[in-house]
């Protein structure tokens, strides 16, 4: 019994020393509380990632804007087969659309009519795409304009209603071609569709009494910007009786300019007058207003025209 007890006594101190050396190091309470009190920084990392993404999107937009290809010195247009086909059988979408002088385009429209046996008095339209941009993210507001064409293609005179509370002005309006002239008593008749007209003119003093007609007349409601509100009733009637009205929809003007049976020179003069009037609605210092022009008849395809030859001299220089 003495020998086993001595061996146990020798082993116990050895085991105790191993036990104490293998124990994990102690952690003080102060270090734990300090660790808990440190604020979480995950939101800062998320904000930094969002900022990086925004910077990347801004750089991508800048790169996309810089990728505008200039085809002037290229051997072929970007994304197309060639500048012009080599024969008369080809896929139209593989080549840029040809651009014609305005006189050539009008002559082509007349030839199309003869080949198609379509009506000679069909309307001729012009479509203009506008650059509405100004400085500091401003732009030209869509507008409506009424003008006199050099050669009218309408056989009838526009029907006009004149609003005035002055009996003498009403008499003058009727003498100068107004269909109806009167005061606020006409409002109920117009709302009931007893009176309809192509244009509605008014004196400034009566405009407030016409507000119930705003939803009924919409774009025809008298406005000073359109020239349909003023004191000179004979002058307004002279414009709107035989005037030609066009409007801007989004960035496009699409309006009739003539009929195909009119002489070629008359059609060209009407096109030139429309282009000149449209170009006058944007200051020349902000660059050209009209980017592209297309002419067509009711039964023909659209022909791109060289709009530069129709622009005023001030806009060409800009």
C-alpha atoms as a PDB file:
ATOM      1  CA  UNK A   1       0.000   0.000   0.000  1.00  0.00           C
ATOM      2  CA  UNK A   2       2.847   2.401   0.663  1.00  0.00           C
ATOM      3  CA  UNK A   3       4.205   2.166  -2.898  1.00  0.00           C
ATOM      4  CA  UNK A   4       0.925   3.075  -4.683  1.00  0.00           C
ATOM      5  CA  UNK A   5       0.289   6.002  -2.338  1.00  0.00           C
ATOM      6  CA  UNK A   6       3.720   7.439  -3.029  1.00  0.00           C
ATOM      7  CA  UNK A   7       3.152   7.229  -6.803  1.00  0.00           C
ATOM      8  CA  UNK A   8      -0.156   9.102  -6.472  1.00  0.00           C
ATOM      9  CA  UNK A   9       1.499  11.874  -4.499  1.00  0.00           C
ATOM     10  CA  UNK A  10       4.096  12.279  -7.207  1.00  0.00           C
ATOM     11  CA  UNK A  11       1.484  12.533  -9.991  1.00  0.00           C
ATOM     12  CA  UNK A  12      -0.877  15.047  -8.293  1.00  0.00           C
ATOM     13  CA  UNK A  13       1.501  18.041  -8.298  1.00  0.00           C
ATOM     14  CA  UNK A  14       2.253  17.353 -11.955  1.00  0.00           C
ATOM     15  CA  UNK A  15      -1.453  17.361 -12.875  1.00  0.00           C
ATOM     16  CA  UNK A  16      -2.074  20.577 -10.931  1.00  0.00           C
ATOM     17  CA  UNK A  17       0.698  22.398 -12.758  1.00  0.00           C
ATOM     18  CA  UNK A  18      -0.622  21.265 -16.147  1.00  0.00           C
ATOM     19  CA  UNK A  19      -4.152  22.302 -15.186  1.00  0.00           C
ATOM     20  CA  UNK A  20      -3.162  25.866 -14.262  1.00  0.00           C
ATOM     21  CA  UNK A  21      -0.973  26.399 -17.333  1.00  0.00           C
ATOM     22  CA  UNK A  22      -3.693  25.266 -19.799  1.00  0.00           C
ATOM     23  CA  UNK A  23      -6.411  27.525 -18.349  1.00  0.00           C
ATOM     24  CA  UNK A  24      -7.594  30.367 -20.639  1.00  0.00           C
ATOM     25  CA  UNK A  25      -6.435  33.888 -19.751  1.00  0.00           C
ATOM     26  CA  UNK A  26      -8.844  35.877 -17.638  1.00  0.00           C
ATOM     27  CA  UNK A  27     -10.824  38.838 -19.048  1.00  0.00           C
ATOM     28  CA  UNK A  28     -11.466  41.821 -16.845  1.00  0.00           C
ATOM     29  CA  UNK A  29     -14.931  43.420 -16.518  1.00  0.00           C
ATOM     30  CA  UNK A  30     -13.538  46.746 -17.526  1.00  0.00           C
ATOM     31  CA  UNK A  31     -12.448  45.391 -20.936  1.00  0.00           C
ATOM     32  CA  UNK A  32     -15.910  43.834 -21.499  1.00  0.00           C
ATOM     33  CA  UNK A  33     -17.725  47.072 -20.746  1.00  0.00           C
ATOM     34  CA  UNK A  34     -15.368  48.984 -23.001  1.00  0.00           C
ATOM     35  CA  UNK A  35     -16.076  46.556 -25.833  1.00  0.00           C
ATOM     36  CA  UNK A  36     -19.831  46.895 -25.365  1.00  0.00           C
ATOM     37  CA  UNK A  37     -19.702  50.681 -25.299  1.00  0.00           C
ATOM     38  CA  UNK A  38     -18.063  50.962 -28.765  1.00  0.00           C
ATOM     39  CA  UNK A  39     -20.702  52.259 -31.284  1.00  0.00           C
ATOM     40  CA  UNK A  40     -21.692  50.163 -34.287  1.00  0.00           C
ATOM     41  CA  UNK A  41     -20.218  51.436 -37.581  1.00  0.00           C
ATOM     42  CA  UNK A  42     -22.215  49.382 -40.064  1.00  0.00           C
ATOM     43  CA  UNK A  43     -24.261  52.391 -41.209  1.00  0.00           C
ATOM     44  CA  UNK A  44     -21.099  54.237 -42.216  1.00  0.00           C
ATOM     45  CA  UNK A  45     -20.054  51.365 -44.446  1.00  0.00           C
ATOM     46  CA  UNK A  46     -23.516  51.292 -46.064  1.00  0.00           C
ATOM     47  CA  UNK A  47     -23.418  55.053 -46.691  1.00  0.00           C
ATOM     48  CA  UNK A  48     -19.964  54.734 -48.220  1.00  0.00           C
ATOM     49  CA  UNK A  49     -21.217  51.982 -50.555  1.00  0.00           C
ATOM     50  CA  UNK A  50     -24.211  54.098 -51.626  1.00  0.00           C
ATOM     51  CA  UNK A  51     -21.894  57.035 -52.348  1.00  0.00           C
ATOM     52  CA  UNK A  52     -19.644  54.795 -54.432  1.00  0.00           C
ATOM     53  CA  UNK A  53     -22.669  53.555 -56.397  1.00  0.00           C
ATOM     54  CA  UNK A  54     -23.825  57.139 -57.048  1.00  0.00           C
ATOM     55  CA  UNK A  55     -20.352  58.104 -58.236  1.00  0.00           C
ATOM     56  CA  UNK A  56     -20.316  55.079 -60.539  1.00  0.00           C
ATOM     57  CA  UNK A  57     -23.744  55.966 -62.028  1.00  0.00           C
ATOM     58  CA  UNK A  58     -22.631  59.578 -62.599  1.00  0.00           C
ATOM     59  CA  UNK A  59     -19.481  58.343 -64.339  1.00  0.00           C
ATOM     60  CA  UNK A  60     -21.539  55.929 -66.472  1.00  0.00           C
ATOM     61  CA  UNK A  61     -23.864  58.760 -67.539  1.00  0.00           C
ATOM     62  CA  UNK A  62     -20.881  60.927 -68.428  1.00  0.00           C
ATOM     63  CA  UNK A  63     -19.406  58.088 -70.472  1.00  0.00           C
ATOM     64  CA  UNK A  64     -22.718  57.537 -72.272  1.00  0.00           C
ATOM     65  CA  UNK A  65     -22.945  61.219 -73.167  1.00  0.00           C
ATOM     66  CA  UNK A  66     -19.405  61.145 -74.531  1.00  0.00           C
ATOM     67  CA  UNK A  67     -20.181  58.177 -76.771  1.00  0.00           C
ATOM     68  CA  UNK A  68     -21.889  60.338 -79.406  1.00  0.00           C
ATOM     69  CA  UNK A  69     -20.289  59.295 -82.656  1.00  0.00           C
ATOM     70  CA  UNK A  70     -19.351  61.906 -85.234  1.00  0.00           C
ATOM     71  CA  UNK A  71     -19.944  60.378 -88.672  1.00  0.00           C
ATOM     72  CA  UNK A  72     -18.438  63.230 -90.686  1.00  0.00           C
ATOM     73  CA  UNK A  73     -15.045  61.645 -91.288  1.00  0.00           C
ATOM     74  CA  UNK A  74     -16.121  57.999 -91.170  1.00  0.00           C
ATOM     75  CA  UNK A  75     -16.095  55.772 -94.253  1.00  0.00           C
ATOM     76  CA  UNK A  76     -19.647  54.662 -93.336  1.00  0.00           C
ATOM     77  CA  UNK A  77     -22.316  55.777 -90.844  1.00  0.00           C
ATOM     78  CA  UNK A  78     -22.116  54.274 -87.371  1.00  0.00           C
ATOM     79  CA  UNK A  79     -24.219  51.083 -87.215  1.00  0.00           C
ATOM     80  CA  UNK A  80     -25.175  51.136 -90.906  1.00  0.00           C
ATOM     81  CA  UNK A  81     -23.864  49.426 -94.024  1.00  0.00           C
ATOM     82  CA  UNK A  82     -22.716  52.387 -96.128  1.00  0.00           C
ATOM     83  CA  UNK A  83     -23.503  55.998 -96.958  1.00  0.00           C
ATOM     84  CA  UNK A  84     -25.506  55.071-100.056  1.00  0.00           C
ATOM     85  CA  UNK A  85     -26.615  51.844-101.782  1.00  0.00           C
ATOM     86  CA  UNK A  86     -24.854  50.757-104.945  1.00  0.00           C
ATOM     87  CA  UNK A  87     -28.039  49.773-106.795  1.00  0.00           C
ATOM     88  CA  UNK A  88     -31.798  50.317-106.606  1.00  0.00           C
ATOM     89  CA  UNK A  89     -32.604  47.150-104.620  1.00  0.00           C
ATOM     90  CA  UNK A  90     -31.603  47.416-100.966  1.00  0.00           C
ATOM     91  CA  UNK A  91     -32.855  47.285 -97.367  1.00  0.00           C
ATOM     92  CA  UNK A  92     -33.823  50.812 -96.360  1.00  0.00           C
ATOM     93  CA  UNK A  93     -32.947  50.354 -92.689  1.00  0.00           C
ATOM     94  CA  UNK A  94     -29.294  49.582 -93.551  1.00  0.00           C
ATOM     95  CA  UNK A  95     -28.627  53.046 -95.036  1.00  0.00           C
ATOM     96  CA  UNK A  96     -29.162  56.623 -93.841  1.00  0.00           C
ATOM     97  CA  UNK A  97     -32.280  58.322 -95.167  1.00  0.00           C
ATOM     98  CA  UNK A  98     -31.473  60.644 -98.080  1.00  0.00           C
ATOM     99  CA  UNK A  99     -31.888  64.385 -97.554  1.00  0.00           C
ATOM    100  CA  UNK A 100     -33.221  66.435-100.484  1.00  0.00           C
ATOM    101  CA  UNK A 101     -33.360  70.093-101.297  1.00  0.00           C
ATOM    102  CA  UNK A 102     -36.851  71.413-100.612  1.00  0.00           C
ATOM    103  CA  UNK A 103     -37.571  72.141-104.262  1.00  0.00           C
ATOM    104  CA  UNK A 104     -36.499  68.615-105.263  1.00  0.00           C
ATOM    105  CA  UNK A 105     -38.650  67.076-102.533  1.00  0.00           C
ATOM    106  CA  UNK A 106     -41.758  68.981-103.659  1.00  0.00           C
ATOM    107  CA  UNK A 107     -41.166  67.909-107.258  1.00  0.00           C
ATOM    108  CA  UNK A 108     -40.865  64.296-106.083  1.00  0.00           C
ATOM    109  CA  UNK A 109     -44.197  64.558-104.255  1.00  0.00           C
ATOM    110  CA  UNK A 110     -45.860  65.715-107.459  1.00  0.00           C
ATOM    111  CA  UNK A 111     -44.322  62.777-109.357  1.00  0.00           C
ATOM    112  CA  UNK A 112     -45.514  60.327-106.684  1.00  0.00           C
ATOM    113  CA  UNK A 113     -49.062  61.618-107.164  1.00  0.00           C
ATOM    114  CA  UNK A 114     -48.934  60.973-110.902  1.00  0.00           C
ATOM    115  CA  UNK A 115     -47.548  57.464-110.448  1.00  0.00           C
ATOM    116  CA  UNK A 116     -50.102  56.555-107.751  1.00  0.00           C
ATOM    117  CA  UNK A 117     -53.098  58.156-109.498  1.00  0.00           C
ATOM    118  CA  UNK A 118     -54.017  59.735-106.175  1.00  0.00           C
ATOM    119  CA  UNK A 119     -56.056  62.992-105.888  1.00  0.00           C
ATOM    120  CA  UNK A 120     -54.269  66.104-107.110  1.00  0.00           C
ATOM    121  CA  UNK A 121     -55.719  68.332-104.373  1.00  0.00           C
ATOM    122  CA  UNK A 122     -54.458  66.206-101.485  1.00  0.00           C
ATOM    123  CA  UNK A 123     -52.825  68.113 -98.601  1.00  0.00           C
ATOM    124  CA  UNK A 124     -49.073  68.614 -98.211  1.00  0.00           C
ATOM    125  CA  UNK A 125     -47.699  68.431 -94.661  1.00  0.00           C
ATOM    126  CA  UNK A 126     -44.469  69.470 -92.985  1.00  0.00           C
ATOM    127  CA  UNK A 127     -43.063  67.922 -89.808  1.00  0.00           C
ATOM    128  CA  UNK A 128     -40.441  69.825 -87.838  1.00  0.00           C
ATOM    129  CA  UNK A 129     -38.473  68.525 -84.842  1.00  0.00           C
ATOM    130  CA  UNK A 130     -37.451  71.311 -82.463  1.00  0.00           C
ATOM    131  CA  UNK A 131     -34.622  71.828 -79.985  1.00  0.00           C
ATOM    132  CA  UNK A 132     -36.514  73.375 -77.059  1.00  0.00           C
ATOM    133  CA  UNK A 133     -33.505  73.651 -74.709  1.00  0.00           C
ATOM    134  CA  UNK A 134     -32.362  76.944 -73.214  1.00  0.00           C
ATOM    135  CA  UNK A 135     -29.733  77.709 -70.563  1.00  0.00           C
ATOM    136  CA  UNK A 136     -29.781  76.308 -66.984  1.00  0.00           C
ATOM    137  CA  UNK A 137     -32.177  73.436 -67.689  1.00  0.00           C
ATOM    138  CA  UNK A 138     -34.847  75.836 -69.011  1.00  0.00           C
ATOM    139  CA  UNK A 139     -36.699  75.227 -72.255  1.00  0.00           C
ATOM    140  CA  UNK A 140     -39.127  76.873 -74.641  1.00  0.00           C
ATOM    141  CA  UNK A 141     -42.713  76.176 -73.612  1.00  0.00           C
ATOM    142  CA  UNK A 142     -44.948  74.499 -76.229  1.00  0.00           C
ATOM    143  CA  UNK A 143     -46.805  77.211 -78.107  1.00  0.00           C
ATOM    144  CA  UNK A 144     -49.619  77.849 -80.579  1.00  0.00           C
ATOM    145  CA  UNK A 145     -49.187  80.356 -83.384  1.00  0.00           C
ATOM    146  CA  UNK A 146     -51.494  81.854 -86.009  1.00  0.00           C
ATOM    147  CA  UNK A 147     -50.015  83.387 -89.149  1.00  0.00           C
ATOM    148  CA  UNK A 148     -50.846  84.440 -92.694  1.00  0.00           C
ATOM    149  CA  UNK A 149     -49.492  82.116 -95.375  1.00  0.00           C
ATOM    150  CA  UNK A 150     -48.344  83.752 -98.630  1.00  0.00           C
ATOM    151  CA  UNK A 151     -50.736  81.472-100.565  1.00  0.00           C
ATOM    152  CA  UNK A 152     -53.825  80.272 -98.729  1.00  0.00           C
ATOM    153  CA  UNK A 153     -55.089  76.761 -99.488  1.00  0.00           C
ATOM    154  CA  UNK A 154     -58.437  77.204 -97.711  1.00  0.00           C
ATOM    155  CA  UNK A 155     -61.527  78.114 -99.686  1.00  0.00           C
ATOM    156  CA  UNK A 156     -63.706  78.958 -96.677  1.00  0.00           C
ATOM    157  CA  UNK A 157     -63.293  81.652 -94.017  1.00  0.00           C
ATOM    158  CA  UNK A 158     -62.917  80.748 -90.361  1.00  0.00           C
ATOM    159  CA  UNK A 159     -65.961  81.233 -88.155  1.00  0.00           C
ATOM    160  CA  UNK A 160     -65.151  83.639 -85.305  1.00  0.00           C
ATOM    161  CA  UNK A 161     -66.945  84.633 -82.088  1.00  0.00           C
ATOM    162  CA  UNK A 162     -66.029  87.971 -80.496  1.00  0.00           C
ATOM    163  CA  UNK A 163     -66.676  88.660 -76.796  1.00  0.00           C
ATOM    164  CA  UNK A 164     -67.257  92.317 -75.970  1.00  0.00           C
ATOM    165  CA  UNK A 165     -69.617  94.242 -73.714  1.00  0.00           C
ATOM    166  CA  UNK A 166     -69.340  97.393 -75.796  1.00  0.00           C
ATOM    167  CA  UNK A 167     -72.209  97.610 -78.353  1.00  0.00           C
ATOM    168  CA  UNK A 168     -70.091  99.750 -80.702  1.00  0.00           C
ATOM    169  CA  UNK A 169     -67.263  97.179 -80.662  1.00  0.00           C
ATOM    170  CA  UNK A 170     -69.783  94.395 -81.282  1.00  0.00           C
ATOM    171  CA  UNK A 171     -71.092  96.289 -84.303  1.00  0.00           C
ATOM    172  CA  UNK A 172     -67.542  96.828 -85.608  1.00  0.00           C
ATOM    173  CA  UNK A 173     -66.800  93.117 -85.143  1.00  0.00           C
ATOM    174  CA  UNK A 174     -69.850  92.094 -87.183  1.00  0.00           C
ATOM    175  CA  UNK A 175     -68.916  94.558 -89.920  1.00  0.00           C
ATOM    176  CA  UNK A 176     -65.415  93.053 -90.116  1.00  0.00           C
ATOM    177  CA  UNK A 177     -66.550  89.456 -90.530  1.00  0.00           C
ATOM    178  CA  UNK A 178     -67.327  88.069 -87.063  1.00  0.00           C
ATOM    179  CA  UNK A 179     -70.001  85.363 -87.053  1.00  0.00           C
ATOM    180  CA  UNK A 180     -71.247  86.255 -83.553  1.00  0.00           C
ATOM    181  CA  UNK A 181     -70.466  89.182 -81.243  1.00  0.00           C
ATOM    182  CA  UNK A 182     -71.741  89.705 -77.720  1.00  0.00           C
ATOM    183  CA  UNK A 183     -71.035  89.682 -74.009  1.00  0.00           C
ATOM    184  CA  UNK A 184     -71.338  87.203 -71.154  1.00  0.00           C
ATOM    185  CA  UNK A 185     -74.782  86.118 -72.365  1.00  0.00           C
ATOM    186  CA  UNK A 186     -73.036  83.978 -74.993  1.00  0.00           C
ATOM    187  CA  UNK A 187     -71.463  81.717 -72.335  1.00  0.00           C
ATOM    188  CA  UNK A 188     -74.596  79.629 -71.734  1.00  0.00           C
ATOM    189  CA  UNK A 189     -75.234  79.238 -75.473  1.00  0.00           C
ATOM    190  CA  UNK A 190     -71.675  78.007 -76.059  1.00  0.00           C
ATOM    191  CA  UNK A 191     -71.925  75.557 -73.153  1.00  0.00           C
ATOM    192  CA  UNK A 192     -75.160  74.229 -74.666  1.00  0.00           C
ATOM    193  CA  UNK A 193     -73.466  73.855 -78.111  1.00  0.00           C
ATOM    194  CA  UNK A 194     -75.841  76.361 -79.648  1.00  0.00           C
ATOM    195  CA  UNK A 195     -72.839  78.374 -80.849  1.00  0.00           C
ATOM    196  CA  UNK A 196     -69.579  76.880 -82.186  1.00  0.00           C
ATOM    197  CA  UNK A 197     -66.662  78.569 -83.930  1.00  0.00           C
ATOM    198  CA  UNK A 198     -63.114  78.052 -85.174  1.00  0.00           C
ATOM    199  CA  UNK A 199     -61.689  80.890 -83.045  1.00  0.00           C
ATOM    200  CA  UNK A 200     -62.863  82.918 -80.045  1.00  0.00           C
ATOM    201  CA  UNK A 201     -61.634  86.494 -79.563  1.00  0.00           C
ATOM    202  CA  UNK A 202     -62.190  88.729 -76.545  1.00  0.00           C
ATOM    203  CA  UNK A 203     -61.457  92.123 -75.062  1.00  0.00           C
ATOM    204  CA  UNK A 204     -59.342  92.087 -71.862  1.00  0.00           C
ATOM    205  CA  UNK A 205     -62.175  93.350 -69.602  1.00  0.00           C
ATOM    206  CA  UNK A 206     -64.465  90.386 -70.267  1.00  0.00           C
ATOM    207  CA  UNK A 207     -61.989  87.507 -69.962  1.00  0.00           C
ATOM    208  CA  UNK A 208     -62.750  86.887 -66.258  1.00  0.00           C
ATOM    209  CA  UNK A 209     -66.439  86.381 -67.065  1.00  0.00           C
ATOM    210  CA  UNK A 210     -65.507  83.693 -69.626  1.00  0.00           C
ATOM    211  CA  UNK A 211     -63.771  81.360 -67.151  1.00  0.00           C
ATOM    212  CA  UNK A 212     -66.723  78.869 -67.168  1.00  0.00           C
ATOM    213  CA  UNK A 213     -65.807  78.200 -70.834  1.00  0.00           C
ATOM    214  CA  UNK A 214     -62.206  77.231 -70.081  1.00  0.00           C
ATOM    215  CA  UNK A 215     -62.843  73.472 -69.940  1.00  0.00           C
ATOM    216  CA  UNK A 216     -65.227  73.659 -72.884  1.00  0.00           C
ATOM    217  CA  UNK A 217     -63.009  75.605 -75.279  1.00  0.00           C
ATOM    218  CA  UNK A 218     -59.654  74.277 -73.983  1.00  0.00           C
ATOM    219  CA  UNK A 219     -56.972  75.422 -76.477  1.00  0.00           C
ATOM    220  CA  UNK A 220     -59.430  77.757 -78.200  1.00  0.00           C
ATOM    221  CA  UNK A 221     -60.023  79.778 -75.024  1.00  0.00           C
ATOM    222  CA  UNK A 222     -58.980  83.432 -75.616  1.00  0.00           C
ATOM    223  CA  UNK A 223     -55.403  84.119 -74.488  1.00  0.00           C
ATOM    224  CA  UNK A 224     -53.147  87.112 -74.939  1.00  0.00           C
ATOM    225  CA  UNK A 225     -50.182  84.828 -75.832  1.00  0.00           C
ATOM    226  CA  UNK A 226     -52.097  83.567 -78.864  1.00  0.00           C
ATOM    227  CA  UNK A 227     -53.132  87.069 -79.884  1.00  0.00           C
ATOM    228  CA  UNK A 228     -56.827  86.313 -79.331  1.00  0.00           C
ATOM    229  CA  UNK A 229     -57.204  88.898 -76.533  1.00  0.00           C
ATOM    230  CA  UNK A 230     -56.851  92.587 -77.371  1.00  0.00           C
ATOM    231  CA  UNK A 231     -58.520  95.901 -78.026  1.00  0.00           C
ATOM    232  CA  UNK A 232     -57.955  96.093 -81.793  1.00  0.00           C
ATOM    233  CA  UNK A 233     -60.794  93.823 -82.890  1.00  0.00           C
ATOM    234  CA  UNK A 234     -60.539  94.568 -86.670  1.00  0.00           C
ATOM    235  CA  UNK A 235     -56.837  93.635 -86.636  1.00  0.00           C
ATOM    236  CA  UNK A 236     -57.492  90.397 -84.744  1.00  0.00           C
ATOM    237  CA  UNK A 237     -60.321  89.479 -87.110  1.00  0.00           C
ATOM    238  CA  UNK A 238     -58.100  90.107 -90.145  1.00  0.00           C
ATOM    239  CA  UNK A 239     -55.588  87.598 -88.749  1.00  0.00           C
ATOM    240  CA  UNK A 240     -57.939  84.865 -87.554  1.00  0.00           C
ATOM    241  CA  UNK A 241     -60.444  84.951 -90.437  1.00  0.00           C
ATOM    242  CA  UNK A 242     -57.934  83.601 -92.935  1.00  0.00           C
ATOM    243  CA  UNK A 243     -54.976  82.815 -90.667  1.00  0.00           C
ATOM    244  CA  UNK A 244     -53.258  79.436 -90.472  1.00  0.00           C
ATOM    245  CA  UNK A 245     -52.828  77.965 -86.978  1.00  0.00           C
ATOM    246  CA  UNK A 246     -50.231  75.410 -85.925  1.00  0.00           C
ATOM    247  CA  UNK A 247     -49.126  74.136 -82.525  1.00  0.00           C
ATOM    248  CA  UNK A 248     -46.163  72.425 -80.877  1.00  0.00           C
ATOM    249  CA  UNK A 249     -46.856  68.967 -79.485  1.00  0.00           C
ATOM    250  CA  UNK A 250     -43.993  67.796 -77.283  1.00  0.00           C
ATOM    251  CA  UNK A 251     -41.066  68.839 -79.549  1.00  0.00           C
ATOM    252  CA  UNK A 252     -42.798  68.501 -82.944  1.00  0.00           C
ATOM    253  CA  UNK A 253     -44.734  70.738 -85.298  1.00  0.00           C
ATOM    254  CA  UNK A 254     -46.910  68.820 -87.745  1.00  0.00           C
ATOM    255  CA  UNK A 255     -49.115  70.982 -89.927  1.00  0.00           C
ATOM    256  CA  UNK A 256     -50.522  71.326 -93.430  1.00  0.00           C
ATOM    257  CA  UNK A 257     -48.760  73.875 -95.612  1.00  0.00           C
ATOM    258  CA  UNK A 258     -50.438  73.541 -99.022  1.00  0.00           C
ATOM    259  CA  UNK A 259     -52.271  71.257-101.420  1.00  0.00           C
ATOM    260  CA  UNK A 260     -50.419  69.274-104.064  1.00  0.00           C
ATOM    261  CA  UNK A 261     -52.250  70.912-106.983  1.00  0.00           C
ATOM    262  CA  UNK A 262     -50.790  74.325-106.075  1.00  0.00           C
ATOM    263  CA  UNK A 263     -47.821  75.593-108.122  1.00  0.00           C
ATOM    264  CA  UNK A 264     -44.444  74.411-106.888  1.00  0.00           C
ATOM    265  CA  UNK A 265     -43.321  77.972-106.137  1.00  0.00           C
ATOM    266  CA  UNK A 266     -46.381  78.598-103.945  1.00  0.00           C
ATOM    267  CA  UNK A 267     -45.762  75.440-101.930  1.00  0.00           C
ATOM    268  CA  UNK A 268     -42.117  76.419-101.381  1.00  0.00           C
ATOM    269  CA  UNK A 269     -43.075  79.921-100.234  1.00  0.00           C
ATOM    270  CA  UNK A 270     -45.582  78.512 -97.736  1.00  0.00           C
ATOM    271  CA  UNK A 271     -42.973  76.084 -96.344  1.00  0.00           C
ATOM    272  CA  UNK A 272     -40.462  78.906 -96.007  1.00  0.00           C
ATOM    273  CA  UNK A 273     -43.033  81.081 -94.173  1.00  0.00           C
ATOM    274  CA  UNK A 274     -43.863  78.293 -91.692  1.00  0.00           C
ATOM    275  CA  UNK A 275     -40.184  77.586 -90.959  1.00  0.00           C
ATOM    276  CA  UNK A 276     -39.445  81.284 -90.477  1.00  0.00           C
ATOM    277  CA  UNK A 277     -42.359  81.727 -88.065  1.00  0.00           C
ATOM    278  CA  UNK A 278     -41.403  78.655 -86.009  1.00  0.00           C
ATOM    279  CA  UNK A 279     -37.755  79.759 -85.791  1.00  0.00           C
ATOM    280  CA  UNK A 280     -38.813  83.157 -84.417  1.00  0.00           C
ATOM    281  CA  UNK A 281     -40.031  81.584 -81.160  1.00  0.00           C
ATOM    282  CA  UNK A 282     -36.515  80.835 -79.852  1.00  0.00           C
ATOM    283  CA  UNK A 283     -33.721  83.423 -79.345  1.00  0.00           C
ATOM    284  CA  UNK A 284     -30.978  82.947 -81.924  1.00  0.00           C
ATOM    285  CA  UNK A 285     -28.208  83.068 -79.287  1.00  0.00           C
ATOM    286  CA  UNK A 286     -29.325  79.658 -77.960  1.00  0.00           C
ATOM    287  CA  UNK A 287     -28.580  77.887 -81.219  1.00  0.00           C
ATOM    288  CA  UNK A 288     -30.741  76.597 -84.083  1.00  0.00           C
ATOM    289  CA  UNK A 289     -34.365  75.872 -83.184  1.00  0.00           C
ATOM    290  CA  UNK A 290     -35.255  73.403 -85.945  1.00  0.00           C
ATOM    291  CA  UNK A 291     -33.252  70.182 -86.030  1.00  0.00           C
ATOM    292  CA  UNK A 292     -34.994  68.258 -88.812  1.00  0.00           C
ATOM    293  CA  UNK A 293     -37.679  68.739 -91.449  1.00  0.00           C
ATOM    294  CA  UNK A 294     -39.849  66.257 -93.360  1.00  0.00           C
ATOM    295  CA  UNK A 295     -42.406  66.947 -96.095  1.00  0.00           C
ATOM    296  CA  UNK A 296     -45.027  64.535 -97.378  1.00  0.00           C
ATOM    297  CA  UNK A 297     -48.438  64.378 -98.987  1.00  0.00           C
ATOM    298  CA  UNK A 298     -51.385  62.344 -97.755  1.00  0.00           C
ATOM    299  CA  UNK A 299     -50.511  59.337 -99.945  1.00  0.00           C
ATOM    300  CA  UNK A 300     -46.690  59.571-100.110  1.00  0.00           C
ATOM    301  CA  UNK A 301     -43.719  58.718 -97.934  1.00  0.00           C
ATOM    302  CA  UNK A 302     -41.950  61.358 -95.886  1.00  0.00           C
ATOM    303  CA  UNK A 303     -38.955  63.062 -97.509  1.00  0.00           C
ATOM    304  CA  UNK A 304     -36.212  64.634 -95.393  1.00  0.00           C
ATOM    305  CA  UNK A 305     -35.319  68.144 -96.518  1.00  0.00           C
ATOM    306  CA  UNK A 306     -32.263  70.358 -95.950  1.00  0.00           C
ATOM    307  CA  UNK A 307     -33.735  72.691 -93.392  1.00  0.00           C
ATOM    308  CA  UNK A 308     -30.651  74.969 -93.343  1.00  0.00           C
ATOM    309  CA  UNK A 309     -31.597  76.573 -96.645  1.00  0.00           C
ATOM    310  CA  UNK A 310     -34.918  77.706 -95.134  1.00  0.00           C
ATOM    311  CA  UNK A 311     -33.619  79.154 -91.867  1.00  0.00           C
ATOM    312  CA  UNK A 312     -33.187  82.899 -91.315  1.00  0.00           C
ATOM    313  CA  UNK A 313     -29.641  84.270 -91.631  1.00  0.00           C
ATOM    314  CA  UNK A 314     -29.374  84.942 -87.858  1.00  0.00           C
ATOM    315  CA  UNK A 315     -30.096  81.292 -87.013  1.00  0.00           C
ATOM    316  CA  UNK A 316     -27.644  79.993 -89.622  1.00  0.00           C
ATOM    317  CA  UNK A 317     -24.828  81.993 -88.005  1.00  0.00           C
ATOM    318  CA  UNK A 318     -25.736  80.662 -84.540  1.00  0.00           C
END
